[in-house]
């Protein structure tokens, strides 16, 4: 490995584990495509509009996000969530998750055709 190659701290298994759940992937797709913090309700709306989540019911999706998806994503450090403002943002300063996310998004797009 050359000294010009950046060291990665994200193991592929961790990236795949994070992207394994379709609801987490859908949330990451929306946040990845947004360049600024996004309100919690906006995230729910955009996920429903994209139809990339297994939930079609707004209330059920909001519950899944709050109790399952957001805790897992914020634990990963790739998503920052401000509980006061209910705003989220995608954080990948070293572009560690980006190649995995891009690949997953292309595969999901292929499958949906």
C-alpha atoms as a PDB file:
ATOM      1  CA  UNK A   1       0.000   0.000   0.000  1.00  0.00           C
ATOM      2  CA  UNK A   2       1.460   3.344  -0.983  1.00  0.00           C
ATOM      3  CA  UNK A   3       1.717   6.261   1.413  1.00  0.00           C
ATOM      4  CA  UNK A   4      -0.663   8.221  -0.877  1.00  0.00           C
ATOM      5  CA  UNK A   5      -3.496   5.789  -0.194  1.00  0.00           C
ATOM      6  CA  UNK A   6      -5.656   7.040   2.692  1.00  0.00           C
ATOM      7  CA  UNK A   7      -6.224   4.624   5.549  1.00  0.00           C
ATOM      8  CA  UNK A   8      -9.856   3.607   5.984  1.00  0.00           C
ATOM      9  CA  UNK A   9     -11.322   2.963   9.386  1.00  0.00           C
ATOM     10  CA  UNK A  10     -14.679   1.663   8.085  1.00  0.00           C
ATOM     11  CA  UNK A  11     -14.570  -2.096   7.644  1.00  0.00           C
ATOM     12  CA  UNK A  12     -16.634  -3.395   4.704  1.00  0.00           C
ATOM     13  CA  UNK A  13     -18.592  -5.634   7.081  1.00  0.00           C
ATOM     14  CA  UNK A  14     -19.676  -2.561   9.079  1.00  0.00           C
ATOM     15  CA  UNK A  15     -20.762  -0.731   5.923  1.00  0.00           C
ATOM     16  CA  UNK A  16     -22.744  -3.746   4.688  1.00  0.00           C
ATOM     17  CA  UNK A  17     -24.322  -4.187   8.104  1.00  0.00           C
ATOM     18  CA  UNK A  18     -25.397  -0.549   8.143  1.00  0.00           C
ATOM     19  CA  UNK A  19     -26.840  -0.799   4.614  1.00  0.00           C
ATOM     20  CA  UNK A  20     -28.528  -4.185   5.120  1.00  0.00           C
ATOM     21  CA  UNK A  21     -31.804  -2.696   6.324  1.00  0.00           C
ATOM     22  CA  UNK A  22     -33.938  -1.121   3.543  1.00  0.00           C
ATOM     23  CA  UNK A  23     -35.284   1.601   5.819  1.00  0.00           C
ATOM     24  CA  UNK A  24     -31.779   2.630   6.925  1.00  0.00           C
ATOM     25  CA  UNK A  25     -30.653   2.638   3.283  1.00  0.00           C
ATOM     26  CA  UNK A  26     -33.622   4.803   2.296  1.00  0.00           C
ATOM     27  CA  UNK A  27     -32.844   7.319   5.046  1.00  0.00           C
ATOM     28  CA  UNK A  28     -29.174   7.397   4.043  1.00  0.00           C
ATOM     29  CA  UNK A  29     -30.065   7.912   0.354  1.00  0.00           C
ATOM     30  CA  UNK A  30     -32.176  10.957   1.205  1.00  0.00           C
ATOM     31  CA  UNK A  31     -29.612  12.427   3.601  1.00  0.00           C
ATOM     32  CA  UNK A  32     -26.720  11.724   1.219  1.00  0.00           C
ATOM     33  CA  UNK A  33     -28.521  13.617  -1.565  1.00  0.00           C
ATOM     34  CA  UNK A  34     -29.194  16.602   0.716  1.00  0.00           C
ATOM     35  CA  UNK A  35     -26.393  19.122   1.254  1.00  0.00           C
ATOM     36  CA  UNK A  36     -27.829  20.707   4.384  1.00  0.00           C
ATOM     37  CA  UNK A  37     -29.483  19.548   7.610  1.00  0.00           C
ATOM     38  CA  UNK A  38     -32.907  18.107   6.983  1.00  0.00           C
ATOM     39  CA  UNK A  39     -35.875  18.264   9.316  1.00  0.00           C
ATOM     40  CA  UNK A  40     -37.210  15.019  10.706  1.00  0.00           C
ATOM     41  CA  UNK A  41     -40.593  15.497   9.028  1.00  0.00           C
ATOM     42  CA  UNK A  42     -38.884  16.371   5.740  1.00  0.00           C
ATOM     43  CA  UNK A  43     -36.959  13.108   5.914  1.00  0.00           C
ATOM     44  CA  UNK A  44     -40.184  11.163   6.405  1.00  0.00           C
ATOM     45  CA  UNK A  45     -41.813  12.997   3.455  1.00  0.00           C
ATOM     46  CA  UNK A  46     -38.867  12.432   1.125  1.00  0.00           C
ATOM     47  CA  UNK A  47     -38.565   8.772   2.042  1.00  0.00           C
ATOM     48  CA  UNK A  48     -42.262   8.232   1.307  1.00  0.00           C
ATOM     49  CA  UNK A  49     -41.982  10.143  -1.979  1.00  0.00           C
ATOM     50  CA  UNK A  50     -39.038   8.035  -3.137  1.00  0.00           C
ATOM     51  CA  UNK A  51     -40.873   4.827  -2.319  1.00  0.00           C
ATOM     52  CA  UNK A  52     -37.612   3.227  -1.200  1.00  0.00           C
ATOM     53  CA  UNK A  53     -38.845   2.205   2.228  1.00  0.00           C
ATOM     54  CA  UNK A  54     -40.933  -0.856   3.092  1.00  0.00           C
ATOM     55  CA  UNK A  55     -43.370   1.416   4.959  1.00  0.00           C
ATOM     56  CA  UNK A  56     -46.108   3.292   3.094  1.00  0.00           C
ATOM     57  CA  UNK A  57     -47.844   4.550   6.231  1.00  0.00           C
ATOM     58  CA  UNK A  58     -46.412   7.859   7.457  1.00  0.00           C
ATOM     59  CA  UNK A  59     -47.015   7.121  11.136  1.00  0.00           C
ATOM     60  CA  UNK A  60     -45.430   3.665  10.938  1.00  0.00           C
ATOM     61  CA  UNK A  61     -42.407   5.042   9.087  1.00  0.00           C
ATOM     62  CA  UNK A  62     -41.980   7.847  11.633  1.00  0.00           C
ATOM     63  CA  UNK A  63     -42.070   5.309  14.481  1.00  0.00           C
ATOM     64  CA  UNK A  64     -39.549   3.055  12.732  1.00  0.00           C
ATOM     65  CA  UNK A  65     -37.235   6.012  12.152  1.00  0.00           C
ATOM     66  CA  UNK A  66     -37.463   7.245  15.711  1.00  0.00           C
ATOM     67  CA  UNK A  67     -37.110   3.926  17.527  1.00  0.00           C
ATOM     68  CA  UNK A  68     -34.920   1.849  15.227  1.00  0.00           C
ATOM     69  CA  UNK A  69     -33.365   3.595  12.237  1.00  0.00           C
ATOM     70  CA  UNK A  70     -32.105   6.875  13.682  1.00  0.00           C
ATOM     71  CA  UNK A  71     -30.489   5.324  16.783  1.00  0.00           C
ATOM     72  CA  UNK A  72     -28.581   2.879  14.574  1.00  0.00           C
ATOM     73  CA  UNK A  73     -27.546   5.600  12.092  1.00  0.00           C
ATOM     74  CA  UNK A  74     -26.441   8.085  14.739  1.00  0.00           C
ATOM     75  CA  UNK A  75     -24.531   5.322  16.518  1.00  0.00           C
ATOM     76  CA  UNK A  76     -22.619   4.809  13.262  1.00  0.00           C
ATOM     77  CA  UNK A  77     -21.510   8.489  13.247  1.00  0.00           C
ATOM     78  CA  UNK A  78     -22.541   8.868   9.590  1.00  0.00           C
ATOM     79  CA  UNK A  79     -25.693  10.704  10.614  1.00  0.00           C
ATOM     80  CA  UNK A  80     -25.905  13.535  13.091  1.00  0.00           C
ATOM     81  CA  UNK A  81     -29.284  14.133  14.727  1.00  0.00           C
ATOM     82  CA  UNK A  82     -30.107  17.213  16.780  1.00  0.00           C
ATOM     83  CA  UNK A  83     -32.977  16.208  19.075  1.00  0.00           C
ATOM     84  CA  UNK A  84     -33.826  19.841  19.856  1.00  0.00           C
ATOM     85  CA  UNK A  85     -34.330  20.932  16.244  1.00  0.00           C
ATOM     86  CA  UNK A  86     -35.120  17.436  14.918  1.00  0.00           C
ATOM     87  CA  UNK A  87     -32.670  18.053  12.083  1.00  0.00           C
ATOM     88  CA  UNK A  88     -30.423  15.429  10.558  1.00  0.00           C
ATOM     89  CA  UNK A  89     -27.399  15.559   8.335  1.00  0.00           C
ATOM     90  CA  UNK A  90     -25.220  13.052   6.575  1.00  0.00           C
ATOM     91  CA  UNK A  91     -21.601  13.075   7.783  1.00  0.00           C
ATOM     92  CA  UNK A  92     -18.920  11.301   5.814  1.00  0.00           C
ATOM     93  CA  UNK A  93     -15.961  13.699   5.745  1.00  0.00           C
ATOM     94  CA  UNK A  94     -13.509  11.014   4.644  1.00  0.00           C
ATOM     95  CA  UNK A  95     -15.929   9.539   2.079  1.00  0.00           C
ATOM     96  CA  UNK A  96     -15.727   6.129   3.706  1.00  0.00           C
ATOM     97  CA  UNK A  97     -19.394   5.156   3.362  1.00  0.00           C
ATOM     98  CA  UNK A  98     -20.006   6.928   0.061  1.00  0.00           C
ATOM     99  CA  UNK A  99     -18.774   4.150  -2.290  1.00  0.00           C
ATOM    100  CA  UNK A 100     -20.876   1.533  -0.481  1.00  0.00           C
ATOM    101  CA  UNK A 101     -23.909   3.809  -0.445  1.00  0.00           C
ATOM    102  CA  UNK A 102     -23.537   4.641  -4.138  1.00  0.00           C
ATOM    103  CA  UNK A 103     -23.250   0.960  -5.000  1.00  0.00           C
ATOM    104  CA  UNK A 104     -26.290   0.027  -2.890  1.00  0.00           C
ATOM    105  CA  UNK A 105     -28.311   2.841  -4.469  1.00  0.00           C
ATOM    106  CA  UNK A 106     -27.418   1.666  -7.981  1.00  0.00           C
ATOM    107  CA  UNK A 107     -28.414  -1.907  -7.093  1.00  0.00           C
ATOM    108  CA  UNK A 108     -31.728  -0.779  -5.594  1.00  0.00           C
ATOM    109  CA  UNK A 109     -32.418   1.331  -8.699  1.00  0.00           C
ATOM    110  CA  UNK A 110     -31.676  -1.664 -10.959  1.00  0.00           C
ATOM    111  CA  UNK A 111     -34.003  -3.883  -8.942  1.00  0.00           C
ATOM    112  CA  UNK A 112     -36.844  -1.344  -9.080  1.00  0.00           C
ATOM    113  CA  UNK A 113     -36.849  -1.206 -12.892  1.00  0.00           C
END
